[in-house]
Structure formats: C-alpha cells, structure tokens
Amino acid sequence: MSGTKVDLETLRAAIKEYESVKEELALAHKSGEALIAVKGAGKDMPSQVYANWASAAGKGHQLSNEQLQKTLDTRIENLKATLRQYEQTEQGNLDNLK
C-alpha cells in the first residue's frame, strides 16, 4: 500500500467547486460577446483604431475563457474518474468484508 488517503467528500466538494467556476466562466463568455462586437463611435480614424483594439482585446479574453473552460472540463472529468475508482474500490472492500 502506498499509504495515500483520499477524502471522498473533499473530492466531491472540489468537483462541485470546479463545476461552479466553469458555470461562471460560461456566463462571462456569453456576456463577453459584446466585447467582440465593439463598434467605433464614428468613422474617424481614432474611433476605428479604438474599436479594432477593443475587439481584439475582447477576442483575447474570450479565447482565454474558452481555454480555461476546456482545462476545467479535463480536470473535472479526471476527478470524477478518480472518484468513481475510489468508490468502486471502497464498495469492493465492503463486499469482501461481508
């Protein structure tokens, strides 16, 4: 045995927390669509430069958000797989004791 102890309740809480963060990111992504659609106040060059800069910044934020959501998806799935494995092992141990 490796001597490693896993607290399943802590693992479940971590999964819920990561899912909550992912939901918040999804909401931020939805509201962030406006950042990409920035239009210049007029047809003058400063307005157009600002609009292009703001749109590019918005796209960068959206891309970062999407990448973080994917990372969280992977982490959540890994934690869920770990939880299932421990639960199955725990159930197997209980069955063996009967």
C-alpha atoms as a PDB file:
ATOM      1  CA  MET A   1       0.000   0.000   0.000  1.00  0.00           C
ATOM      2  CA  SER A   2       1.086   3.490  -0.739  1.00  0.00           C
ATOM      3  CA  GLY A   3      -0.377   4.971   2.437  1.00  0.00           C
ATOM      4  CA  THR A   4      -2.197   7.687   0.498  1.00  0.00           C
ATOM      5  CA  LYS A   5      -5.581   8.600   1.958  1.00  0.00           C
ATOM      6  CA  VAL A   6      -8.224  10.202  -0.200  1.00  0.00           C
ATOM      7  CA  ASP A   7     -11.108  12.048   1.425  1.00  0.00           C
ATOM      8  CA  LEU A   8     -14.024  11.380  -0.909  1.00  0.00           C
ATOM      9  CA  GLU A   9     -16.096  14.248   0.480  1.00  0.00           C
ATOM     10  CA  THR A  10     -13.276  16.681  -0.248  1.00  0.00           C
ATOM     11  CA  LEU A  11     -13.019  15.242  -3.753  1.00  0.00           C
ATOM     12  CA  ARG A  12     -16.767  15.680  -4.296  1.00  0.00           C
ATOM     13  CA  ALA A  13     -16.579  19.256  -2.991  1.00  0.00           C
ATOM     14  CA  ALA A  14     -13.685  20.031  -5.346  1.00  0.00           C
ATOM     15  CA  ILE A  15     -15.680  18.712  -8.299  1.00  0.00           C
ATOM     16  CA  LYS A  16     -18.660  20.897  -7.351  1.00  0.00           C
ATOM     17  CA  GLU A  17     -16.424  23.934  -6.951  1.00  0.00           C
ATOM     18  CA  TYR A  18     -14.774  23.406 -10.338  1.00  0.00           C
ATOM     19  CA  GLU A  19     -18.209  22.960 -11.944  1.00  0.00           C
ATOM     20  CA  SER A  20     -19.368  26.199 -10.313  1.00  0.00           C
ATOM     21  CA  VAL A  21     -16.336  28.076 -11.645  1.00  0.00           C
ATOM     22  CA  LYS A  22     -16.966  26.626 -15.099  1.00  0.00           C
ATOM     23  CA  GLU A  23     -20.589  27.835 -14.991  1.00  0.00           C
ATOM     24  CA  GLU A  24     -19.400  31.327 -14.076  1.00  0.00           C
ATOM     25  CA  LEU A  25     -16.936  31.255 -16.956  1.00  0.00           C
ATOM     26  CA  ALA A  26     -19.732  30.214 -19.334  1.00  0.00           C
ATOM     27  CA  LEU A  27     -21.822  33.189 -18.165  1.00  0.00           C
ATOM     28  CA  ALA A  28     -18.845  35.519 -18.551  1.00  0.00           C
ATOM     29  CA  HIS A  29     -18.242  34.141 -22.037  1.00  0.00           C
ATOM     30  CA  LYS A  30     -21.844  34.793 -23.016  1.00  0.00           C
ATOM     31  CA  SER A  31     -21.777  38.372 -21.733  1.00  0.00           C
ATOM     32  CA  GLY A  32     -18.305  38.825 -23.228  1.00  0.00           C
ATOM     33  CA  GLU A  33     -19.697  38.508 -26.741  1.00  0.00           C
ATOM     34  CA  ALA A  34     -20.351  42.248 -26.546  1.00  0.00           C
ATOM     35  CA  LEU A  35     -16.602  42.840 -26.194  1.00  0.00           C
ATOM     36  CA  ILE A  36     -16.026  41.395 -29.643  1.00  0.00           C
ATOM     37  CA  ALA A  37     -18.761  43.481 -31.258  1.00  0.00           C
ATOM     38  CA  VAL A  38     -17.399  46.906 -30.285  1.00  0.00           C
ATOM     39  CA  LYS A  39     -18.032  49.474 -32.993  1.00  0.00           C
ATOM     40  CA  GLY A  40     -16.338  52.829 -33.426  1.00  0.00           C
ATOM     41  CA  ALA A  41     -18.217  55.921 -32.286  1.00  0.00           C
ATOM     42  CA  GLY A  42     -17.719  57.363 -35.743  1.00  0.00           C
ATOM     43  CA  LYS A  43     -15.920  56.733 -38.984  1.00  0.00           C
ATOM     44  CA  ASP A  44     -12.897  58.765 -37.893  1.00  0.00           C
ATOM     45  CA  MET A  45      -9.562  57.001 -37.507  1.00  0.00           C
ATOM     46  CA  PRO A  46      -9.283  57.218 -33.674  1.00  0.00           C
ATOM     47  CA  SER A  47     -12.736  55.649 -33.285  1.00  0.00           C
ATOM     48  CA  GLN A  48     -11.862  52.857 -35.691  1.00  0.00           C
ATOM     49  CA  VAL A  49      -8.497  52.211 -34.038  1.00  0.00           C
ATOM     50  CA  TYR A  50     -10.170  52.044 -30.632  1.00  0.00           C
ATOM     51  CA  ALA A  51     -12.896  49.707 -31.929  1.00  0.00           C
ATOM     52  CA  ASN A  52     -10.311  47.405 -33.517  1.00  0.00           C
ATOM     53  CA  TRP A  53      -8.223  47.352 -30.347  1.00  0.00           C
ATOM     54  CA  ALA A  54     -11.244  46.736 -28.113  1.00  0.00           C
ATOM     55  CA  SER A  55     -12.498  43.943 -30.364  1.00  0.00           C
ATOM     56  CA  ALA A  56      -9.073  42.282 -30.416  1.00  0.00           C
ATOM     57  CA  ALA A  57      -8.845  42.522 -26.629  1.00  0.00           C
ATOM     58  CA  GLY A  58     -12.324  41.023 -26.340  1.00  0.00           C
ATOM     59  CA  LYS A  59     -11.363  38.145 -28.621  1.00  0.00           C
ATOM     60  CA  GLY A  60      -8.286  37.515 -26.476  1.00  0.00           C
ATOM     61  CA  HIS A  61     -10.371  37.394 -23.306  1.00  0.00           C
ATOM     62  CA  GLN A  62     -12.890  35.074 -24.931  1.00  0.00           C
ATOM     63  CA  LEU A  63     -10.146  32.740 -26.121  1.00  0.00           C
ATOM     64  CA  SER A  64      -8.608  32.634 -22.639  1.00  0.00           C
ATOM     65  CA  ASN A  65     -12.015  31.912 -21.171  1.00  0.00           C
ATOM     66  CA  GLU A  66     -12.591  29.036 -23.621  1.00  0.00           C
ATOM     67  CA  GLN A  67      -9.169  27.548 -22.876  1.00  0.00           C
ATOM     68  CA  LEU A  68      -9.781  27.726 -19.134  1.00  0.00           C
ATOM     69  CA  GLN A  69     -13.181  26.056 -19.563  1.00  0.00           C
ATOM     70  CA  LYS A  70     -11.534  23.213 -21.515  1.00  0.00           C
ATOM     71  CA  THR A  71      -8.881  22.838 -18.822  1.00  0.00           C
ATOM     72  CA  LEU A  72     -11.585  22.710 -16.152  1.00  0.00           C
ATOM     73  CA  ASP A  73     -13.538  20.136 -18.196  1.00  0.00           C
ATOM     74  CA  THR A  74     -10.479  17.908 -18.263  1.00  0.00           C
ATOM     75  CA  ARG A  75      -9.813  18.384 -14.561  1.00  0.00           C
ATOM     76  CA  ILE A  76     -13.455  17.709 -13.657  1.00  0.00           C
ATOM     77  CA  GLU A  77     -13.521  14.530 -15.746  1.00  0.00           C
ATOM     78  CA  ASN A  78     -10.263  13.338 -14.182  1.00  0.00           C
ATOM     79  CA  LEU A  79     -11.571  13.991 -10.680  1.00  0.00           C
ATOM     80  CA  LYS A  80     -14.845  12.226 -11.460  1.00  0.00           C
ATOM     81  CA  ALA A  81     -12.927   9.218 -12.807  1.00  0.00           C
ATOM     82  CA  THR A  82     -10.796   9.162  -9.657  1.00  0.00           C
ATOM     83  CA  LEU A  83     -13.911   9.387  -7.505  1.00  0.00           C
ATOM     84  CA  ARG A  84     -15.579   6.519  -9.374  1.00  0.00           C
ATOM     85  CA  GLN A  85     -12.447   4.406  -8.998  1.00  0.00           C
ATOM     86  CA  TYR A  86     -12.251   5.024  -5.245  1.00  0.00           C
ATOM     87  CA  GLU A  87     -15.977   4.397  -4.799  1.00  0.00           C
ATOM     88  CA  GLN A  88     -15.729   1.107  -6.687  1.00  0.00           C
ATOM     89  CA  THR A  89     -12.696   0.073  -4.650  1.00  0.00           C
ATOM     90  CA  GLU A  90     -14.456   1.055  -1.442  1.00  0.00           C
ATOM     91  CA  GLN A  91     -17.565  -0.913  -2.446  1.00  0.00           C
ATOM     92  CA  GLY A  92     -15.394  -3.898  -3.358  1.00  0.00           C
ATOM     93  CA  ASN A  93     -13.713  -3.737   0.022  1.00  0.00           C
ATOM     94  CA  LEU A  94     -17.088  -3.639   1.772  1.00  0.00           C
ATOM     95  CA  ASP A  95     -18.302  -6.600  -0.287  1.00  0.00           C
ATOM     96  CA  ASN A  96     -15.162  -8.552   0.627  1.00  0.00           C
ATOM     97  CA  LEU A  97     -15.769  -7.941   4.320  1.00  0.00           C
ATOM     98  CA  LYS A  98     -19.271  -9.459   4.177  1.00  0.00           C
END
